[in-house]
Amino acid sequence: KTSAVVVLTAAILLQTTPCSSFGCPPPERLRRLLEATDSGESPILLLPCCYDGLTARLVGLAGFNATFMTGFGVSGANGYPDTQLVSFNEMMSAANSVAEGLSSAALERAKYGEAEQSGSPVAIPCIADGDTGYGNAINVKRTVFGYARAGMAGMMIEDQVAPKRCGHVTGKSVVPFAEAVKRVQAACDARNEYEALFGQGTGPLILARTDSLVTDGFEDAIQRCIAFRQAGCDMTFLEAPKSIEQMEEYCQRVTGPKLANMLEYGSTPILPPLQLRKMGYTMAAYPLTLLSASIKAMQESLQLIKEGKPTYDKILSFSETKDVVGFTKYAKEEERYTC
């Protein structure tokens, strides 16, 4: 009887207190980070974007509180442009790798990090790129459930026509207004259904994105964001505003957490985090910084190899490389279980 009571009590606690001694589900952790920013308790939430286990580990080990899994990055790492040539299963595989990278970084920081980082491990939430949902509204719901099972804290859903493409390139088109809203509604319904099955705080938060500014004008994009909020989304993302004035008006007219996309050399002005927060943004994503930096470093290293020159100035030491990919943690963990 005693053990049954303990199990029942634990189950009740997990359902009623998402963040407790049992840990905090990634969606609830993300929600609390957003609330802390909106309340002024914390600065804008910075999201360096990752696309595989290694970049996820780097983001986590660098001390960031959250990240975003970029579809552009996943596509690029697979050798493709961001034109939805990568399938749902490939994105799910990337999400699993990202989740493992983030959890390993969180545990490593808690167990073996600096004194100020040590303590109980804290989940590093990740918003995953859900593109257009990989089909109709029912596919959207399956995508939400898939990312939830992979440990993602949120999912972005957008209103482009499939196959979609990067929001800062030509050739985009969007689905009609009503269809876009239904797509977002399906994602929100899936979030709620997942929580009904697995408990409060487990359903991925929904980031609703519109690309209609370029195709249908700024006012249409604003109205879509407002409608997405009415449909139940947790966050909005107006893609590719072309001026500070458009960014400010979006923040003034649309409620709830908002994401600024800081794509270097893209269509949107790159602004400091403090200025973005003052405007009303809650999150600032840096979608291609890690991918672009790695491409540049690899191109320069390849050129040096071609020219027969040393690459020491371009690379980490072997010891540092081993540490980043997890050899140090592995050795310490292995020692714990050695007889």
Protein backbone atom coordinates (compact mmCIF):
# COMPACT_ATOMS: atom_id res chain seq x y z
CA LYS A 1 0.00 0.00 0.00
CA THR A 2 2.83 2.35 0.91
CA SER A 3 4.53 1.97 -2.48
CA ALA A 4 1.22 2.52 -4.28
CA VAL A 5 0.66 5.75 -2.36
CA VAL A 6 4.18 6.95 -3.24
CA VAL A 7 3.64 6.23 -6.93
CA LEU A 8 0.24 7.95 -6.93
CA THR A 9 1.62 10.99 -5.11
CA ALA A 10 4.49 11.25 -7.60
CA ALA A 11 2.07 11.06 -10.52
CA ILE A 12 -0.08 13.83 -9.03
CA LEU A 13 2.95 16.04 -8.43
CA LEU A 14 4.16 15.56 -11.99
CA GLN A 15 0.77 16.63 -13.35
CA THR A 16 0.20 19.61 -11.05
CA THR A 17 3.73 21.03 -10.63
CA PRO A 18 5.54 20.99 -13.99
CA CYS A 19 8.77 22.33 -12.45
CA SER A 20 9.59 20.48 -9.26
CA SER A 21 12.15 18.17 -7.76
CA PHE A 22 11.33 15.83 -10.63
CA GLY A 23 12.78 18.34 -13.10
CA CYS A 24 11.14 20.68 -15.56
CA PRO A 25 9.73 19.62 -18.94
CA PRO A 26 11.39 21.62 -21.75
CA PRO A 27 8.13 23.33 -22.83
CA GLU A 28 7.46 24.55 -19.29
CA ARG A 29 11.08 25.68 -18.95
CA LEU A 30 10.70 27.68 -22.18
CA ARG A 31 7.42 29.18 -20.98
CA ARG A 32 9.06 30.37 -17.77
CA LEU A 33 11.99 31.89 -19.65
CA LEU A 34 9.56 33.81 -21.88
CA GLU A 35 7.58 34.99 -18.86
CA ALA A 36 10.78 36.15 -17.15
CA THR A 37 11.67 38.24 -20.20
CA ASP A 38 8.18 39.69 -20.60
CA SER A 39 8.06 40.64 -16.92
CA GLY A 40 11.38 42.44 -17.14
CA GLU A 41 13.03 40.00 -14.73
CA SER A 42 15.38 38.72 -17.46
CA PRO A 43 16.84 40.19 -20.66
CA ILE A 44 15.74 39.17 -24.15
CA LEU A 45 16.10 35.43 -24.75
CA LEU A 46 18.99 34.84 -27.14
CA LEU A 47 18.64 31.85 -29.47
CA PRO A 48 21.80 30.90 -31.36
CA CYS A 49 20.46 28.35 -33.81
CA CYS A 50 21.76 24.79 -33.92
CA TYR A 51 21.24 22.00 -36.43
CA ASP A 52 22.92 18.85 -35.05
CA GLY A 53 24.24 17.32 -31.85
CA LEU A 54 27.57 19.13 -31.97
CA THR A 55 26.16 22.63 -32.49
CA ALA A 56 23.57 21.91 -29.77
CA ARG A 57 26.38 20.96 -27.39
CA LEU A 58 28.29 24.11 -28.25
CA VAL A 59 25.26 26.30 -27.55
CA GLY A 60 24.65 24.56 -24.24
CA LEU A 61 28.28 24.60 -23.12
CA ALA A 62 28.51 28.30 -24.00
CA GLY A 63 25.90 28.96 -21.34
CA PHE A 64 22.85 29.92 -23.42
CA ASN A 65 19.46 29.24 -21.82
CA ALA A 66 17.68 28.15 -25.01
CA THR A 67 18.17 27.49 -28.70
CA PHE A 68 16.34 26.96 -31.99
CA MET A 69 16.81 24.07 -34.43
CA THR A 70 17.03 25.75 -37.82
CA GLY A 71 15.66 24.02 -40.91
CA PHE A 72 18.14 25.96 -43.04
CA GLY A 73 20.96 24.51 -40.95
CA VAL A 74 19.62 20.95 -41.03
CA SER A 75 19.17 21.22 -44.80
CA GLY A 76 22.64 22.69 -45.24
CA ALA A 77 24.28 20.03 -43.08
CA ASN A 78 22.63 17.44 -45.33
CA GLY A 79 23.98 19.18 -48.43
CA TYR A 80 20.75 20.85 -49.57
CA PRO A 81 19.33 24.38 -49.78
CA ASP A 82 16.44 25.29 -47.50
CA THR A 83 13.73 24.43 -50.02
CA GLN A 84 12.06 21.58 -48.09
CA LEU A 85 14.11 18.88 -49.78
CA VAL A 86 14.71 17.48 -46.31
CA SER A 87 11.90 15.22 -45.10
CA PHE A 88 10.02 15.06 -41.80
CA ASN A 89 11.95 11.93 -40.80
CA GLU A 90 15.27 13.69 -41.44
CA MET A 91 14.14 16.64 -39.34
CA MET A 92 13.05 14.24 -36.59
CA SER A 93 16.47 12.59 -36.68
CA ALA A 94 18.11 15.99 -36.33
CA ALA A 95 15.78 16.85 -33.42
CA ASN A 96 16.80 13.69 -31.60
CA SER A 97 20.48 14.53 -32.09
CA VAL A 98 19.90 18.11 -30.92
CA ALA A 99 18.04 16.90 -27.83
CA GLU A 100 20.90 14.54 -26.95
CA GLY A 101 23.46 17.29 -27.46
CA LEU A 102 21.54 19.71 -25.24
CA SER A 103 20.96 17.20 -22.46
CA SER A 104 24.62 16.13 -22.47
CA ALA A 105 25.69 19.79 -22.27
CA ALA A 106 23.27 20.50 -19.41
CA LEU A 107 24.45 17.48 -17.42
CA GLU A 108 28.09 18.28 -18.14
CA ARG A 109 27.71 21.87 -16.93
CA ALA A 110 25.94 20.72 -13.77
CA LYS A 111 28.42 17.95 -12.90
CA TYR A 112 31.75 19.20 -14.20
CA GLY A 113 31.27 22.90 -15.00
CA GLU A 114 32.61 25.96 -13.26
CA ALA A 115 31.47 26.63 -9.70
CA GLU A 116 28.79 29.10 -10.80
CA GLN A 117 27.40 26.57 -13.30
CA SER A 118 27.44 23.54 -11.02
CA GLY A 119 24.34 22.22 -9.24
CA SER A 120 21.15 20.54 -10.40
CA PRO A 121 20.99 20.14 -14.18
CA VAL A 122 18.56 22.47 -15.96
CA ALA A 123 17.00 21.58 -19.30
CA ILE A 124 18.02 23.75 -22.26
CA PRO A 125 14.81 24.16 -24.29
CA CYS A 126 14.85 24.10 -28.08
CA ILE A 127 12.24 25.36 -30.55
CA ALA A 128 12.22 23.11 -33.61
CA ASP A 129 11.51 24.24 -37.15
CA GLY A 130 8.31 22.53 -38.27
CA ASP A 131 8.29 24.18 -41.72
CA THR A 132 4.76 23.89 -43.15
CA GLY A 133 3.93 20.76 -41.13
CA TYR A 134 4.82 18.34 -43.97
CA GLY A 135 1.29 17.99 -45.33
CA ASN A 136 -2.20 19.00 -44.31
CA ALA A 137 -3.49 19.96 -40.84
CA ILE A 138 -3.37 16.34 -39.69
CA ASN A 139 0.28 16.13 -40.71
CA VAL A 140 0.87 19.29 -38.68
CA LYS A 141 -0.50 17.57 -35.59
CA ARG A 142 1.70 14.53 -36.16
CA THR A 143 4.71 16.82 -36.49
CA VAL A 144 3.94 18.44 -33.13
CA PHE A 145 3.66 15.02 -31.46
CA GLY A 146 6.88 13.86 -33.08
CA TYR A 147 8.86 16.85 -31.89
CA ALA A 148 7.32 16.52 -28.42
CA ARG A 149 8.50 12.91 -28.17
CA ALA A 150 11.96 14.06 -29.27
CA GLY A 151 12.11 16.48 -26.33
CA MET A 152 11.58 19.73 -28.19
CA ALA A 153 10.23 22.65 -26.13
CA GLY A 154 8.45 24.34 -29.01
CA MET A 155 7.68 24.11 -32.71
CA MET A 156 7.53 26.75 -35.39
CA ILE A 157 4.77 26.44 -37.98
CA GLU A 158 4.58 28.74 -40.99
CA ASP A 159 2.12 29.77 -43.68
CA GLN A 160 4.19 29.24 -46.82
CA VAL A 161 3.02 27.01 -49.65
CA ALA A 162 4.91 23.70 -49.71
CA PRO A 163 7.65 23.23 -50.69
CA LYS A 164 8.67 26.22 -48.57
CA ARG A 165 11.98 28.04 -48.70
CA CYS A 166 14.15 30.35 -46.64
CA GLY A 167 12.22 33.49 -45.71
CA HIS A 168 14.91 35.82 -47.06
CA VAL A 169 15.07 34.48 -50.64
CA THR A 170 12.88 35.04 -53.68
CA GLY A 171 10.11 32.77 -54.90
CA LYS A 172 8.03 32.53 -51.72
CA SER A 173 4.27 32.14 -51.70
CA VAL A 174 1.80 31.72 -48.83
CA VAL A 175 -1.44 29.84 -48.35
CA PRO A 176 -4.71 31.80 -48.04
CA PHE A 177 -5.44 33.57 -44.74
CA ALA A 178 -8.05 31.11 -43.50
CA GLU A 179 -5.92 28.07 -44.33
CA ALA A 180 -2.96 29.61 -42.51
CA VAL A 181 -5.05 30.11 -39.37
CA LYS A 182 -6.36 26.53 -39.52
CA ARG A 183 -2.78 25.27 -39.83
CA VAL A 184 -1.82 27.12 -36.66
CA GLN A 185 -5.00 25.96 -34.92
CA ALA A 186 -4.09 22.33 -35.72
CA ALA A 187 -0.67 22.82 -34.14
CA CYS A 188 -2.24 24.36 -31.02
CA ASP A 189 -4.78 21.54 -30.78
CA ALA A 190 -1.94 19.00 -30.95
CA ARG A 191 -0.11 20.85 -28.17
CA ASN A 192 -3.19 20.65 -25.98
CA GLU A 193 -3.85 17.01 -26.83
CA TYR A 194 -0.28 16.07 -25.98
CA GLU A 195 -0.63 17.77 -22.59
CA ALA A 196 -3.93 15.98 -21.97
CA LEU A 197 -2.11 12.69 -22.48
CA PHE A 198 1.19 13.38 -20.74
CA GLY A 199 0.58 16.18 -18.26
CA GLN A 200 0.75 19.92 -17.81
CA GLY A 201 3.82 21.58 -19.27
CA THR A 202 4.70 18.78 -21.72
CA GLY A 203 3.09 20.12 -24.91
CA PRO A 204 5.51 22.03 -27.19
CA LEU A 205 4.82 25.76 -27.33
CA ILE A 206 3.67 26.91 -30.76
CA LEU A 207 5.56 29.64 -32.61
CA ALA A 208 3.39 30.82 -35.52
CA ARG A 209 5.27 32.43 -38.40
CA THR A 210 4.00 34.41 -41.36
CA ASP A 211 5.88 35.12 -44.58
CA SER A 212 3.07 37.18 -46.08
CA LEU A 213 4.80 40.56 -45.68
CA VAL A 214 6.69 40.02 -48.93
CA THR A 215 3.77 38.49 -50.83
CA ASP A 216 0.69 40.26 -49.46
CA GLY A 217 1.99 43.31 -47.64
CA PHE A 218 2.72 44.41 -44.08
CA GLU A 219 -0.92 44.85 -43.00
CA ASP A 220 -1.81 41.32 -44.08
CA ALA A 221 1.16 39.98 -42.11
CA ILE A 222 0.04 41.86 -39.00
CA GLN A 223 -3.52 40.56 -39.35
CA ARG A 224 -2.23 37.02 -39.72
CA CYS A 225 -0.17 37.31 -36.53
CA ILE A 226 -3.19 38.65 -34.66
CA ALA A 227 -5.33 35.79 -35.98
CA PHE A 228 -2.64 33.25 -35.02
CA ARG A 229 -2.75 34.57 -31.45
CA GLN A 230 -6.54 34.27 -31.44
CA ALA A 231 -6.15 30.67 -32.65
CA GLY A 232 -4.06 29.93 -29.55
CA CYS A 233 -0.40 30.15 -30.52
CA ASP A 234 2.09 30.94 -27.75
CA MET A 235 4.49 33.09 -29.81
CA THR A 236 4.53 34.86 -33.18
CA PHE A 237 7.18 35.54 -35.78
CA LEU A 238 6.71 38.09 -38.54
CA GLU A 239 9.40 37.12 -41.03
CA ALA A 240 11.61 39.57 -42.93
CA PRO A 241 10.48 43.06 -41.84
CA LYS A 242 12.48 45.54 -43.89
CA SER A 243 12.71 48.46 -41.48
CA ILE A 244 12.92 49.39 -37.81
CA GLU A 245 9.51 51.06 -38.21
CA GLN A 246 7.91 47.80 -39.32
CA MET A 247 9.54 45.96 -36.42
CA GLU A 248 8.25 48.54 -33.93
CA GLU A 249 4.71 48.50 -35.30
CA TYR A 250 4.59 44.70 -35.21
CA CYS A 251 5.60 44.74 -31.54
CA GLN A 252 3.01 47.42 -30.73
CA ARG A 253 0.07 45.74 -32.46
CA VAL A 254 0.60 42.02 -31.79
CA THR A 255 0.31 40.60 -28.27
CA GLY A 256 2.42 37.89 -26.66
CA PRO A 257 6.03 36.78 -27.05
CA LYS A 258 7.62 37.75 -30.37
CA LEU A 259 10.73 36.55 -32.18
CA ALA A 260 13.21 38.74 -34.06
CA ASN A 261 15.20 36.95 -36.76
CA MET A 262 18.75 38.35 -36.79
CA LEU A 263 20.00 36.96 -40.10
CA GLU A 264 23.27 38.62 -40.99
CA TYR A 265 23.13 40.07 -44.55
CA GLY A 266 19.39 39.31 -44.70
CA SER A 267 16.38 41.61 -45.22
CA THR A 268 15.87 42.64 -41.58
CA PRO A 269 17.95 45.27 -39.76
CA ILE A 270 20.41 43.69 -37.31
CA LEU A 271 19.89 45.38 -33.95
CA PRO A 272 21.47 44.93 -30.50
CA PRO A 273 19.54 42.74 -28.04
CA LEU A 274 18.81 45.69 -25.74
CA GLN A 275 17.19 47.63 -28.58
CA LEU A 276 15.13 44.63 -29.64
CA ARG A 277 13.88 44.14 -26.10
CA LYS A 278 13.00 47.82 -25.80
CA MET A 279 10.92 47.48 -28.98
CA GLY A 280 8.98 44.60 -27.45
CA TYR A 281 10.69 41.49 -28.78
CA THR A 282 11.00 38.54 -26.39
CA MET A 283 13.44 36.40 -28.38
CA ALA A 284 16.27 37.06 -30.81
CA ALA A 285 17.26 34.18 -33.08
CA TYR A 286 20.58 33.98 -34.90
CA PRO A 287 19.67 31.42 -37.57
CA LEU A 288 22.82 31.03 -39.64
CA THR A 289 25.67 32.39 -37.53
CA LEU A 290 27.03 28.98 -36.50
CA LEU A 291 26.50 27.43 -39.93
CA SER A 292 28.07 30.38 -41.77
CA ALA A 293 30.99 30.60 -39.36
CA SER A 294 31.73 26.89 -39.73
CA ILE A 295 31.50 27.06 -43.54
CA LYS A 296 33.95 29.97 -43.60
CA ALA A 297 36.39 28.20 -41.27
CA MET A 298 36.22 24.98 -43.29
CA GLN A 299 36.70 26.79 -46.62
CA GLU A 300 39.74 28.62 -45.28
CA SER A 301 41.18 25.40 -43.84
CA LEU A 302 40.64 23.55 -47.11
CA GLN A 303 42.44 26.29 -49.00
CA LEU A 304 45.40 26.05 -46.64
CA ILE A 305 45.53 22.29 -47.12
CA LYS A 306 45.39 22.76 -50.89
CA GLU A 307 48.28 25.20 -50.69
CA GLY A 308 50.30 22.87 -48.46
CA LYS A 309 50.25 25.31 -45.55
CA PRO A 310 49.71 24.55 -41.84
CA THR A 311 46.22 24.95 -40.38
CA TYR A 312 47.11 25.50 -36.72
CA ASP A 313 45.74 29.05 -36.67
CA LYS A 314 42.35 27.80 -37.88
CA ILE A 315 41.77 24.86 -35.55
CA LEU A 316 41.54 23.87 -31.90
CA SER A 317 44.14 21.67 -30.30
CA PHE A 318 43.39 17.96 -30.32
CA SER A 319 42.81 18.13 -26.56
CA GLU A 320 40.28 20.96 -26.96
CA THR A 321 38.49 19.13 -29.78
CA LYS A 322 38.18 15.99 -27.69
CA ASP A 323 36.76 18.03 -24.82
CA VAL A 324 34.12 19.73 -26.98
CA VAL A 325 32.81 16.48 -28.45
CA GLY A 326 32.57 14.89 -25.00
CA PHE A 327 35.66 12.78 -24.37
CA THR A 328 36.36 14.46 -21.03
CA LYS A 329 32.85 13.81 -19.75
CA TYR A 330 32.96 10.25 -21.10
CA ALA A 331 36.19 9.46 -19.25
CA LYS A 332 34.81 10.79 -15.97
CA GLU A 333 31.58 8.87 -16.36
CA GLU A 334 33.45 5.72 -17.32
CA GLU A 335 35.57 6.02 -14.17
CA ARG A 336 32.44 6.15 -12.00
CA TYR A 337 31.34 2.73 -13.16
CA THR A 338 34.71 0.99 -13.27
CA CYS A 339 34.99 -1.88 -10.80
